[in-house]
């Protein structure tokens, strides 16, 4: 597989000697959902196998505007764009000139961007648990309520109420680790960034449910 796009879920809490107060990670998660309307950040992503060896590295930009709009752009090693306009979810593989379209509510398991968008769908799809402090961050774990998704556990580390890291364990024993940098919240973002202009020569695969 030339490029594996991986994205999010979170689980269990163990007792720790860290000095976190009870509920710190969950409080940070709720504060992020409650008080942050827009977010812009750069990210670096590494996928490791079950032995901890890196098998893929990627980097790009993440934009978020609540409710339900986001843009997750991979700049390297291949240009790929994931966009939600609030109604539909688009995955554009620029190199392959292919666009996949899905309903937003059917894409929750597919991307960390959708997880960070939050909302009631998140709580209905995941068990959310406190995970203490690690590496100077307050962590929360999300475990899928149903076991048929791509990921078995997702962990999100917060610096105050800003996401700083994500870790996603998949069904194959691999882990995707994401680090955010230059995080800016409640900044002005051009609404056009949450629209995908589909090239005329692109192949479009529309997986949305047909509605009358």
Protein backbone atom coordinates (compact mmCIF):
# COMPACT_ATOMS: atom_id res chain seq x y z
CA UNK A 1 0.00 0.00 0.00
CA UNK A 2 1.64 3.23 -1.20
CA UNK A 3 0.13 5.43 1.45
CA UNK A 4 -1.83 4.53 4.53
CA UNK A 5 -4.05 7.24 5.94
CA UNK A 6 -4.75 6.60 9.61
CA UNK A 7 -6.99 8.33 12.07
CA UNK A 8 -8.41 7.91 15.61
CA UNK A 9 -9.99 6.21 18.75
CA UNK A 10 -9.08 6.11 22.59
CA UNK A 11 -9.29 3.74 25.71
CA UNK A 12 -8.61 2.78 29.38
CA UNK A 13 -7.00 4.50 32.34
CA UNK A 14 -4.37 3.07 34.69
CA UNK A 15 -3.44 4.46 38.08
CA UNK A 16 -0.33 6.61 37.81
CA UNK A 17 2.14 8.31 40.12
CA UNK A 18 1.79 11.55 38.20
CA UNK A 19 0.36 14.51 40.06
CA UNK A 20 -2.66 15.07 37.85
CA UNK A 21 -5.87 16.04 39.56
CA UNK A 22 -8.84 13.75 38.96
CA UNK A 23 -10.63 14.49 35.69
CA UNK A 24 -7.94 16.80 34.27
CA UNK A 25 -7.84 15.15 30.86
CA UNK A 26 -11.62 14.92 30.57
CA UNK A 27 -11.93 18.54 31.72
CA UNK A 28 -9.46 19.61 29.02
CA UNK A 29 -11.39 17.66 26.39
CA UNK A 30 -14.71 19.20 27.41
CA UNK A 31 -13.17 22.69 27.59
CA UNK A 32 -11.79 22.23 24.09
CA UNK A 33 -15.19 21.18 22.73
CA UNK A 34 -17.03 23.87 24.66
CA UNK A 35 -14.85 26.95 24.19
CA UNK A 36 -12.85 26.54 20.96
CA UNK A 37 -14.68 27.54 17.78
CA UNK A 38 -11.80 27.45 15.30
CA UNK A 39 -8.32 25.97 15.31
CA UNK A 40 -5.30 25.95 13.02
CA UNK A 41 -2.20 23.77 13.53
CA UNK A 42 0.65 22.06 11.73
CA UNK A 43 1.10 18.37 12.40
CA UNK A 44 3.63 15.58 12.05
CA UNK A 45 2.41 12.01 11.91
CA UNK A 46 4.35 8.78 12.27
CA UNK A 47 3.01 5.25 11.96
CA UNK A 48 4.85 2.52 13.87
CA UNK A 49 4.46 -1.26 13.73
CA UNK A 50 3.96 -3.62 16.66
CA UNK A 51 7.71 -3.55 17.41
CA UNK A 52 7.78 0.26 17.54
CA UNK A 53 9.62 0.67 14.22
CA UNK A 54 8.51 3.63 12.10
CA UNK A 55 6.98 2.55 8.81
CA UNK A 56 5.60 5.87 7.53
CA UNK A 57 6.05 9.59 8.21
CA UNK A 58 3.77 12.37 7.00
CA UNK A 59 3.20 16.07 7.71
CA UNK A 60 0.66 18.75 6.95
CA UNK A 61 -1.88 21.27 8.21
CA UNK A 62 -5.10 20.93 10.20
CA UNK A 63 -7.98 23.42 10.22
CA UNK A 64 -11.16 23.17 12.31
CA UNK A 65 -14.33 25.27 12.46
CA UNK A 66 -17.25 24.09 14.53
CA UNK A 67 -19.65 22.61 13.93
CA UNK A 68 -18.44 19.77 11.72
CA UNK A 69 -16.08 21.61 9.36
CA UNK A 70 -12.44 20.64 9.08
CA UNK A 71 -9.57 20.33 6.64
CA UNK A 72 -6.73 17.83 7.16
CA UNK A 73 -4.09 18.38 4.47
CA UNK A 74 -1.08 16.12 3.94
CA UNK A 75 1.72 18.02 2.22
CA UNK A 76 4.31 15.23 2.29
CA UNK A 77 5.28 12.66 1.16
CA UNK A 78 2.09 12.67 -0.97
CA UNK A 79 -0.47 15.44 -1.27
CA UNK A 80 -3.81 14.32 0.12
CA UNK A 81 -6.70 16.41 1.42
CA UNK A 82 -9.53 15.47 3.77
CA UNK A 83 -12.33 18.05 3.95
CA UNK A 84 -15.69 18.25 5.70
CA UNK A 85 -18.05 21.09 4.78
CA UNK A 86 -20.49 20.01 7.51
CA UNK A 87 -22.59 17.91 5.17
CA UNK A 88 -20.19 15.73 3.23
CA UNK A 89 -16.74 14.26 3.84
CA UNK A 90 -14.24 14.40 0.94
CA UNK A 91 -10.95 12.54 0.57
CA UNK A 92 -8.87 13.87 -2.34
CA UNK A 93 -5.79 11.93 -3.39
CA UNK A 94 -4.15 14.59 -5.55
CA UNK A 95 -1.50 12.29 -7.05
CA UNK A 96 -4.07 9.67 -8.05
CA UNK A 97 -6.62 12.34 -9.07
CA UNK A 98 -9.35 10.56 -7.12
CA UNK A 99 -12.01 11.95 -4.77
CA UNK A 100 -14.04 9.82 -2.36
CA UNK A 101 -17.25 11.34 -0.93
CA UNK A 102 -19.11 10.10 2.15
CA UNK A 103 -21.72 11.30 4.61
CA UNK A 104 -20.13 13.12 7.55
CA UNK A 105 -21.98 11.07 10.18
CA UNK A 106 -20.70 7.84 8.64
CA UNK A 107 -17.07 9.01 8.74
CA UNK A 108 -16.52 9.42 12.49
CA UNK A 109 -14.16 6.47 12.71
CA UNK A 110 -12.22 7.49 9.65
CA UNK A 111 -10.33 10.58 10.77
CA UNK A 112 -8.81 12.26 13.83
CA UNK A 113 -10.14 15.52 12.46
CA UNK A 114 -13.70 14.27 12.95
CA UNK A 115 -12.82 13.17 16.48
CA UNK A 116 -11.50 16.63 17.30
CA UNK A 117 -14.69 18.14 15.91
CA UNK A 118 -16.46 16.38 18.81
CA UNK A 119 -20.15 16.62 19.53
CA UNK A 120 -22.78 14.13 20.67
CA UNK A 121 -21.75 11.63 18.01
CA UNK A 122 -18.38 11.29 19.72
CA UNK A 123 -19.87 10.39 23.09
CA UNK A 124 -22.27 7.91 21.54
CA UNK A 125 -19.46 6.21 19.60
CA UNK A 126 -16.76 6.14 22.34
CA UNK A 127 -16.28 5.58 26.02
CA UNK A 128 -14.27 8.55 27.29
CA UNK A 129 -11.98 7.98 30.28
CA UNK A 130 -9.35 9.88 32.24
CA UNK A 131 -5.75 8.82 31.49
CA UNK A 132 -3.61 10.94 33.85
CA UNK A 133 -0.54 12.99 32.94
CA UNK A 134 2.33 12.01 30.67
CA UNK A 135 5.05 14.09 29.00
CA UNK A 136 3.65 17.22 30.61
CA UNK A 137 0.19 16.71 29.03
CA UNK A 138 -3.22 15.77 30.40
CA UNK A 139 -4.45 12.65 28.60
CA UNK A 140 -7.86 11.21 27.88
CA UNK A 141 -8.63 7.82 26.35
CA UNK A 142 -11.41 6.99 23.90
CA UNK A 143 -12.51 3.40 23.39
CA UNK A 144 -14.99 2.53 20.63
CA UNK A 145 -18.28 1.23 22.00
CA UNK A 146 -18.46 -1.19 19.07
CA UNK A 147 -15.53 -3.38 18.03
CA UNK A 148 -15.97 -3.29 14.26
CA UNK A 149 -13.92 -0.14 13.56
CA UNK A 150 -10.34 0.31 12.38
CA UNK A 151 -9.04 1.41 15.78
CA UNK A 152 -9.03 -0.26 19.19
CA UNK A 153 -7.99 2.75 21.28
CA UNK A 154 -7.28 6.47 20.87
CA UNK A 155 -5.43 8.74 23.28
CA UNK A 156 -5.43 12.54 23.15
CA UNK A 157 -2.95 14.66 25.12
CA UNK A 158 -3.87 18.26 25.96
CA UNK A 159 -1.77 21.28 26.84
CA UNK A 160 -4.39 23.24 28.78
CA UNK A 161 -7.41 22.93 26.47
CA UNK A 162 -5.39 22.65 23.26
CA UNK A 163 -4.72 19.25 21.64
CA UNK A 164 -0.99 18.59 21.50
CA UNK A 165 -0.74 14.89 20.63
CA UNK A 166 -2.86 11.96 19.48
CA UNK A 167 -2.10 8.24 19.52
CA UNK A 168 -4.25 5.73 17.62
CA UNK A 169 -3.95 1.95 17.99
CA UNK A 170 -5.37 -0.06 15.11
CA UNK A 171 -6.58 -3.62 14.71
CA UNK A 172 -3.24 -4.70 13.15
CA UNK A 173 -1.20 -3.76 16.23
CA UNK A 174 0.14 -0.58 14.62
CA UNK A 175 0.05 2.87 16.23
CA UNK A 176 -0.26 6.27 14.59
CA UNK A 177 1.25 9.14 16.59
CA UNK A 178 0.41 12.74 15.77
CA UNK A 179 2.12 15.85 17.15
CA UNK A 180 0.56 19.28 16.72
CA UNK A 181 2.64 22.46 16.51
CA UNK A 182 1.92 26.19 16.23
CA UNK A 183 -1.61 25.61 17.50
CA UNK A 184 -3.80 28.73 17.23
CA UNK A 185 -7.38 28.80 18.48
CA UNK A 186 -10.30 31.07 17.61
CA UNK A 187 -8.52 32.51 14.61
CA UNK A 188 -10.23 33.69 11.44
CA UNK A 189 -10.30 30.98 8.75
CA UNK A 190 -11.58 31.56 5.22
CA UNK A 191 -14.79 29.47 4.84
CA UNK A 192 -13.59 28.49 1.37
CA UNK A 193 -10.90 26.33 3.01
CA UNK A 194 -13.69 23.93 4.03
CA UNK A 195 -14.88 23.48 0.46
CA UNK A 196 -13.26 21.04 -1.94
CA UNK A 197 -13.12 22.10 -5.57
CA UNK A 198 -13.11 18.79 -7.42
CA UNK A 199 -10.89 18.86 -10.53
CA UNK A 200 -12.67 18.14 -13.80
CA UNK A 201 -10.38 15.20 -14.54
CA UNK A 202 -10.73 13.56 -11.11
CA UNK A 203 -12.41 10.20 -10.62
CA UNK A 204 -15.22 10.60 -8.05
CA UNK A 205 -16.37 7.71 -5.87
CA UNK A 206 -19.61 8.77 -4.14
CA UNK A 207 -20.39 6.57 -1.13
CA UNK A 208 -23.14 8.73 0.32
CA UNK A 209 -26.49 7.19 1.15
CA UNK A 210 -29.04 7.95 -1.51
CA UNK A 211 -31.83 10.20 -0.28
CA UNK A 212 -35.20 10.78 -1.93
